[in-house]
Amino acid sequence: MNGEAEIWDKVYKSDNAFFGEEPSNFALFCFNYIKTNKHIKKILDLGTGHGRLYNV
């Protein structure tokens, strides 16, 4: 590792709300789109976002 992981570990340990505590607008848009389009059976997440959980 080149030290980047250690830097981000320190950021999140000191302030786990660094990027906010709410889901992003894009995450909410996708969630609502999938929820209203019942024919969607699978999605692929390519590691987007900052790892925040969104409980439904």
PDB file of N, CA and C in Angstrom:
ATOM      1  N   MET A   1       0.838  -1.180   0.000  1.00  0.00           N
ATOM      2  CA  MET A   1       0.000   0.000   0.000  1.00  0.00           C
ATOM      3  C   MET A   1       0.881   1.241   0.000  1.00  0.00           C
ATOM      4  N   ASN A   2       0.378   2.295  -0.572  1.00  0.00           N
ATOM      5  CA  ASN A   2       1.178   3.511  -0.671  1.00  0.00           C
ATOM      6  C   ASN A   2       0.810   4.565   0.367  1.00  0.00           C
ATOM      7  N   GLY A   3       0.098   4.196   1.390  1.00  0.00           N
ATOM      8  CA  GLY A   3      -0.231   5.129   2.456  1.00  0.00           C
ATOM      9  C   GLY A   3      -1.587   5.791   2.339  1.00  0.00           C
ATOM     10  N   GLU A   4      -2.243   5.666   1.191  1.00  0.00           N
ATOM     11  CA  GLU A   4      -3.551   6.307   1.029  1.00  0.00           C
ATOM     12  C   GLU A   4      -4.591   5.720   1.974  1.00  0.00           C
ATOM     13  N   ALA A   5      -4.570   4.422   2.159  1.00  0.00           N
ATOM     14  CA  ALA A   5      -5.539   3.784   3.056  1.00  0.00           C
ATOM     15  C   ALA A   5      -5.385   4.305   4.474  1.00  0.00           C
ATOM     16  N   GLU A   6      -4.135   4.477   4.896  1.00  0.00           N
ATOM     17  CA  GLU A   6      -3.898   4.985   6.247  1.00  0.00           C
ATOM     18  C   GLU A   6      -4.430   6.411   6.393  1.00  0.00           C
ATOM     19  N   ILE A   7      -4.260   7.217   5.358  1.00  0.00           N
ATOM     20  CA  ILE A   7      -4.764   8.592   5.400  1.00  0.00           C
ATOM     21  C   ILE A   7      -6.277   8.599   5.557  1.00  0.00           C
ATOM     22  N   TRP A   8      -6.977   7.798   4.725  1.00  0.00           N
ATOM     23  CA  TRP A   8      -8.442   7.775   4.793  1.00  0.00           C
ATOM     24  C   TRP A   8      -8.934   7.135   6.079  1.00  0.00           C
ATOM     25  N   ASP A   9      -8.192   6.160   6.606  1.00  0.00           N
ATOM     26  CA  ASP A   9      -8.558   5.601   7.909  1.00  0.00           C
ATOM     27  C   ASP A   9      -8.529   6.681   8.984  1.00  0.00           C
ATOM     28  N   LYS A  10      -7.515   7.537   8.951  1.00  0.00           N
ATOM     29  CA  LYS A  10      -7.423   8.625   9.926  1.00  0.00           C
ATOM     30  C   LYS A  10      -8.573   9.618   9.755  1.00  0.00           C
ATOM     31  N   VAL A  11      -8.915   9.931   8.508  1.00  0.00           N
ATOM     32  CA  VAL A  11     -10.017  10.863   8.245  1.00  0.00           C
ATOM     33  C   VAL A  11     -11.306  10.320   8.833  1.00  0.00           C
ATOM     34  N   TYR A  12     -11.623   9.061   8.538  1.00  0.00           N
ATOM     35  CA  TYR A  12     -12.883   8.487   9.014  1.00  0.00           C
ATOM     36  C   TYR A  12     -12.881   8.255  10.517  1.00  0.00           C
ATOM     37  N   LYS A  13     -11.736   7.947  11.098  1.00  0.00           N
ATOM     38  CA  LYS A  13     -11.680   7.774  12.548  1.00  0.00           C
ATOM     39  C   LYS A  13     -11.890   9.099  13.271  1.00  0.00           C
ATOM     40  N   SER A  14     -11.385  10.184  12.693  1.00  0.00           N
ATOM     41  CA  SER A  14     -11.522  11.476  13.355  1.00  0.00           C
ATOM     42  C   SER A  14     -12.886  12.110  13.108  1.00  0.00           C
ATOM     43  N   ASP A  15     -13.505  11.799  11.961  1.00  0.00           N
ATOM     44  CA  ASP A  15     -14.815  12.387  11.631  1.00  0.00           C
ATOM     45  C   ASP A  15     -15.521  11.472  10.644  1.00  0.00           C
ATOM     46  N   ASN A  16     -16.307  10.526  11.164  1.00  0.00           N
ATOM     47  CA  ASN A  16     -16.955   9.562  10.267  1.00  0.00           C
ATOM     48  C   ASN A  16     -18.089  10.176   9.459  1.00  0.00           C
ATOM     49  N   ALA A  17     -18.391  11.443   9.705  1.00  0.00           N
ATOM     50  CA  ALA A  17     -19.404  12.146   8.903  1.00  0.00           C
ATOM     51  C   ALA A  17     -18.734  13.125   7.939  1.00  0.00           C
ATOM     52  N   PHE A  18     -17.473  12.888   7.635  1.00  0.00           N
ATOM     53  CA  PHE A  18     -16.677  13.779   6.798  1.00  0.00           C
ATOM     54  C   PHE A  18     -17.377  14.112   5.480  1.00  0.00           C
ATOM     55  N   PHE A  19     -18.012  13.121   4.871  1.00  0.00           N
ATOM     56  CA  PHE A  19     -18.706  13.324   3.598  1.00  0.00           C
ATOM     57  C   PHE A  19     -20.207  13.467   3.774  1.00  0.00           C
ATOM     58  N   GLY A  20     -20.671  13.647   4.992  1.00  0.00           N
ATOM     59  CA  GLY A  20     -22.096  13.764   5.264  1.00  0.00           C
ATOM     60  C   GLY A  20     -22.662  12.470   5.797  1.00  0.00           C
ATOM     61  N   GLU A  21     -23.868  12.553   6.301  1.00  0.00           N
ATOM     62  CA  GLU A  21     -24.494  11.372   6.897  1.00  0.00           C
ATOM     63  C   GLU A  21     -25.698  10.890   6.101  1.00  0.00           C
ATOM     64  N   GLU A  22     -26.118  11.652   5.128  1.00  0.00           N
ATOM     65  CA  GLU A  22     -27.282  11.287   4.334  1.00  0.00           C
ATOM     66  C   GLU A  22     -26.849  10.663   3.013  1.00  0.00           C
ATOM     67  N   PRO A  23     -27.712   9.826   2.433  1.00  0.00           N
ATOM     68  CA  PRO A  23     -27.394   9.274   1.120  1.00  0.00           C
ATOM     69  C   PRO A  23     -27.273  10.400   0.089  1.00  0.00           C
ATOM     70  N   SER A  24     -26.466  10.177  -0.920  1.00  0.00           N
ATOM     71  CA  SER A  24     -26.319  11.184  -1.968  1.00  0.00           C
ATOM     72  C   SER A  24     -27.617  11.296  -2.768  1.00  0.00           C
ATOM     73  N   ASN A  25     -27.786  12.418  -3.435  1.00  0.00           N
ATOM     74  CA  ASN A  25     -28.968  12.594  -4.293  1.00  0.00           C
ATOM     75  C   ASN A  25     -29.017  11.519  -5.371  1.00  0.00           C
ATOM     76  N   PHE A  26     -27.863  11.165  -5.909  1.00  0.00           N
ATOM     77  CA  PHE A  26     -27.825  10.139  -6.944  1.00  0.00           C
ATOM     78  C   PHE A  26     -28.251   8.780  -6.389  1.00  0.00           C
ATOM     79  N   ALA A  27     -27.802   8.449  -5.180  1.00  0.00           N
ATOM     80  CA  ALA A  27     -28.199   7.185  -4.560  1.00  0.00           C
ATOM     81  C   ALA A  27     -29.703   7.148  -4.332  1.00  0.00           C
ATOM     82  N   LEU A  28     -30.275   8.256  -3.865  1.00  0.00           N
ATOM     83  CA  LEU A  28     -31.722   8.309  -3.654  1.00  0.00           C
ATOM     84  C   LEU A  28     -32.482   8.202  -4.973  1.00  0.00           C
ATOM     85  N   PHE A  29     -31.985   8.858  -6.012  1.00  0.00           N
ATOM     86  CA  PHE A  29     -32.612   8.765  -7.325  1.00  0.00           C
ATOM     87  C   PHE A  29     -32.628   7.312  -7.801  1.00  0.00           C
ATOM     88  N   CYS A  30     -31.484   6.648  -7.715  1.00  0.00           N
ATOM     89  CA  CYS A  30     -31.395   5.252  -8.153  1.00  0.00           C
ATOM     90  C   CYS A  30     -32.306   4.357  -7.326  1.00  0.00           C
ATOM     91  N   PHE A  31     -32.305   4.549  -6.027  1.00  0.00           N
ATOM     92  CA  PHE A  31     -33.153   3.747  -5.149  1.00  0.00           C
ATOM     93  C   PHE A  31     -34.620   3.891  -5.533  1.00  0.00           C
ATOM     94  N   ASN A  32     -35.069   5.125  -5.713  1.00  0.00           N
ATOM     95  CA  ASN A  32     -36.471   5.362  -6.065  1.00  0.00           C
ATOM     96  C   ASN A  32     -36.804   4.829  -7.455  1.00  0.00           C
ATOM     97  N   TYR A  33     -35.880   4.937  -8.377  1.00  0.00           N
ATOM     98  CA  TYR A  33     -36.102   4.421  -9.730  1.00  0.00           C
ATOM     99  C   TYR A  33     -36.267   2.902  -9.699  1.00  0.00           C
ATOM    100  N   ILE A  34     -35.385   2.237  -8.984  1.00  0.00           N
ATOM    101  CA  ILE A  34     -35.441   0.773  -8.896  1.00  0.00           C
ATOM    102  C   ILE A  34     -36.704   0.332  -8.167  1.00  0.00           C
ATOM    103  N   LYS A  35     -37.056   1.062  -7.111  1.00  0.00           N
ATOM    104  CA  LYS A  35     -38.242   0.714  -6.324  1.00  0.00           C
ATOM    105  C   LYS A  35     -39.525   0.821  -7.157  1.00  0.00           C
ATOM    106  N   THR A  36     -39.588   1.777  -8.069  1.00  0.00           N
ATOM    107  CA  THR A  36     -40.806   1.984  -8.857  1.00  0.00           C
ATOM    108  C   THR A  36     -40.811   1.212 -10.165  1.00  0.00           C
ATOM    109  N   ASN A  37     -39.702   0.605 -10.520  1.00  0.00           N
ATOM    110  CA  ASN A  37     -39.616  -0.195 -11.740  1.00  0.00           C
ATOM    111  C   ASN A  37     -39.371  -1.646 -11.352  1.00  0.00           C
ATOM    112  N   LYS A  38     -40.448  -2.326 -11.065  1.00  0.00           N
ATOM    113  CA  LYS A  38     -40.382  -3.677 -10.485  1.00  0.00           C
ATOM    114  C   LYS A  38     -39.723  -4.704 -11.402  1.00  0.00           C
ATOM    115  N   HIS A  39     -39.600  -4.390 -12.694  1.00  0.00           N
ATOM    116  CA  HIS A  39     -39.000  -5.344 -13.619  1.00  0.00           C
ATOM    117  C   HIS A  39     -37.480  -5.455 -13.444  1.00  0.00           C
ATOM    118  N   ILE A  40     -36.869  -4.525 -12.724  1.00  0.00           N
ATOM    119  CA  ILE A  40     -35.427  -4.568 -12.496  1.00  0.00           C
ATOM    120  C   ILE A  40     -35.145  -5.638 -11.448  1.00  0.00           C
ATOM    121  N   LYS A  41     -34.324  -6.603 -11.827  1.00  0.00           N
ATOM    122  CA  LYS A  41     -34.022  -7.717 -10.922  1.00  0.00           C
ATOM    123  C   LYS A  41     -32.587  -7.680 -10.413  1.00  0.00           C
ATOM    124  N   LYS A  42     -31.688  -7.041 -11.158  1.00  0.00           N
ATOM    125  CA  LYS A  42     -30.292  -7.001 -10.751  1.00  0.00           C
ATOM    126  C   LYS A  42     -29.731  -5.612 -11.010  1.00  0.00           C
ATOM    127  N   ILE A  43     -28.788  -5.232 -10.160  1.00  0.00           N
ATOM    128  CA  ILE A  43     -28.061  -3.982 -10.382  1.00  0.00           C
ATOM    129  C   ILE A  43     -26.572  -4.258 -10.159  1.00  0.00           C
ATOM    130  N   LEU A  44     -25.754  -3.421 -10.750  1.00  0.00           N
ATOM    131  CA  LEU A  44     -24.315  -3.527 -10.585  1.00  0.00           C
ATOM    132  C   LEU A  44     -23.807  -2.216 -10.002  1.00  0.00           C
ATOM    133  N   ASP A  45     -23.210  -2.300  -8.841  1.00  0.00           N
ATOM    134  CA  ASP A  45     -22.637  -1.135  -8.189  1.00  0.00           C
ATOM    135  C   ASP A  45     -21.130  -1.216  -8.372  1.00  0.00           C
ATOM    136  N   LEU A  46     -20.577  -0.222  -9.020  1.00  0.00           N
ATOM    137  CA  LEU A  46     -19.149  -0.230  -9.304  1.00  0.00           C
ATOM    138  C   LEU A  46     -18.340   0.534  -8.256  1.00  0.00           C
ATOM    139  N   GLY A  47     -18.752   0.385  -7.017  1.00  0.00           N
ATOM    140  CA  GLY A  47     -18.006   1.008  -5.933  1.00  0.00           C
ATOM    141  C   GLY A  47     -18.247   2.506  -5.828  1.00  0.00           C
ATOM    142  N   THR A  48     -19.458   2.918  -6.080  1.00  0.00           N
ATOM    143  CA  THR A  48     -19.783   4.338  -6.029  1.00  0.00           C
ATOM    144  C   THR A  48     -19.969   4.789  -4.594  1.00  0.00           C
ATOM    145  N   GLY A  49     -19.850   6.057  -4.374  1.00  0.00           N
ATOM    146  CA  GLY A  49     -20.174   6.631  -3.071  1.00  0.00           C
ATOM    147  C   GLY A  49     -19.080   6.486  -2.043  1.00  0.00           C
ATOM    148  N   HIS A  50     -19.439   6.758  -0.799  1.00  0.00           N
ATOM    149  CA  HIS A  50     -18.492   6.772   0.303  1.00  0.00           C
ATOM    150  C   HIS A  50     -18.818   5.706   1.333  1.00  0.00           C
ATOM    151  N   GLY A  51     -19.589   4.705   0.953  1.00  0.00           N
ATOM    152  CA  GLY A  51     -19.861   3.612   1.866  1.00  0.00           C
ATOM    153  C   GLY A  51     -20.921   3.860   2.905  1.00  0.00           C
ATOM    154  N   ARG A  52     -21.725   4.889   2.713  1.00  0.00           N
ATOM    155  CA  ARG A  52     -22.808   5.139   3.657  1.00  0.00           C
ATOM    156  C   ARG A  52     -23.914   4.119   3.422  1.00  0.00           C
ATOM    157  N   LEU A  53     -24.553   3.720   4.486  1.00  0.00           N
ATOM    158  CA  LEU A  53     -25.663   2.781   4.403  1.00  0.00           C
ATOM    159  C   LEU A  53     -26.972   3.556   4.334  1.00  0.00           C
ATOM    160  N   TYR A  54     -27.893   3.028   3.572  1.00  0.00           N
ATOM    161  CA  TYR A  54     -29.224   3.614   3.485  1.00  0.00           C
ATOM    162  C   TYR A  54     -30.220   2.540   3.866  1.00  0.00           C
ATOM    163  N   ASN A  55     -30.806   2.682   5.032  1.00  0.00           N
ATOM    164  CA  ASN A  55     -31.779   1.698   5.504  1.00  0.00           C
ATOM    165  C   ASN A  55     -33.157   2.045   4.977  1.00  0.00           C
ATOM    166  N   VAL A  56     -33.824   1.046   4.425  1.00  0.00           N
ATOM    167  CA  VAL A  56     -35.141   1.248   3.852  1.00  0.00           C
ATOM    168  C   VAL A  56     -36.207   0.884   4.855  1.00  0.00           C
TER     169      VAL A  56
END
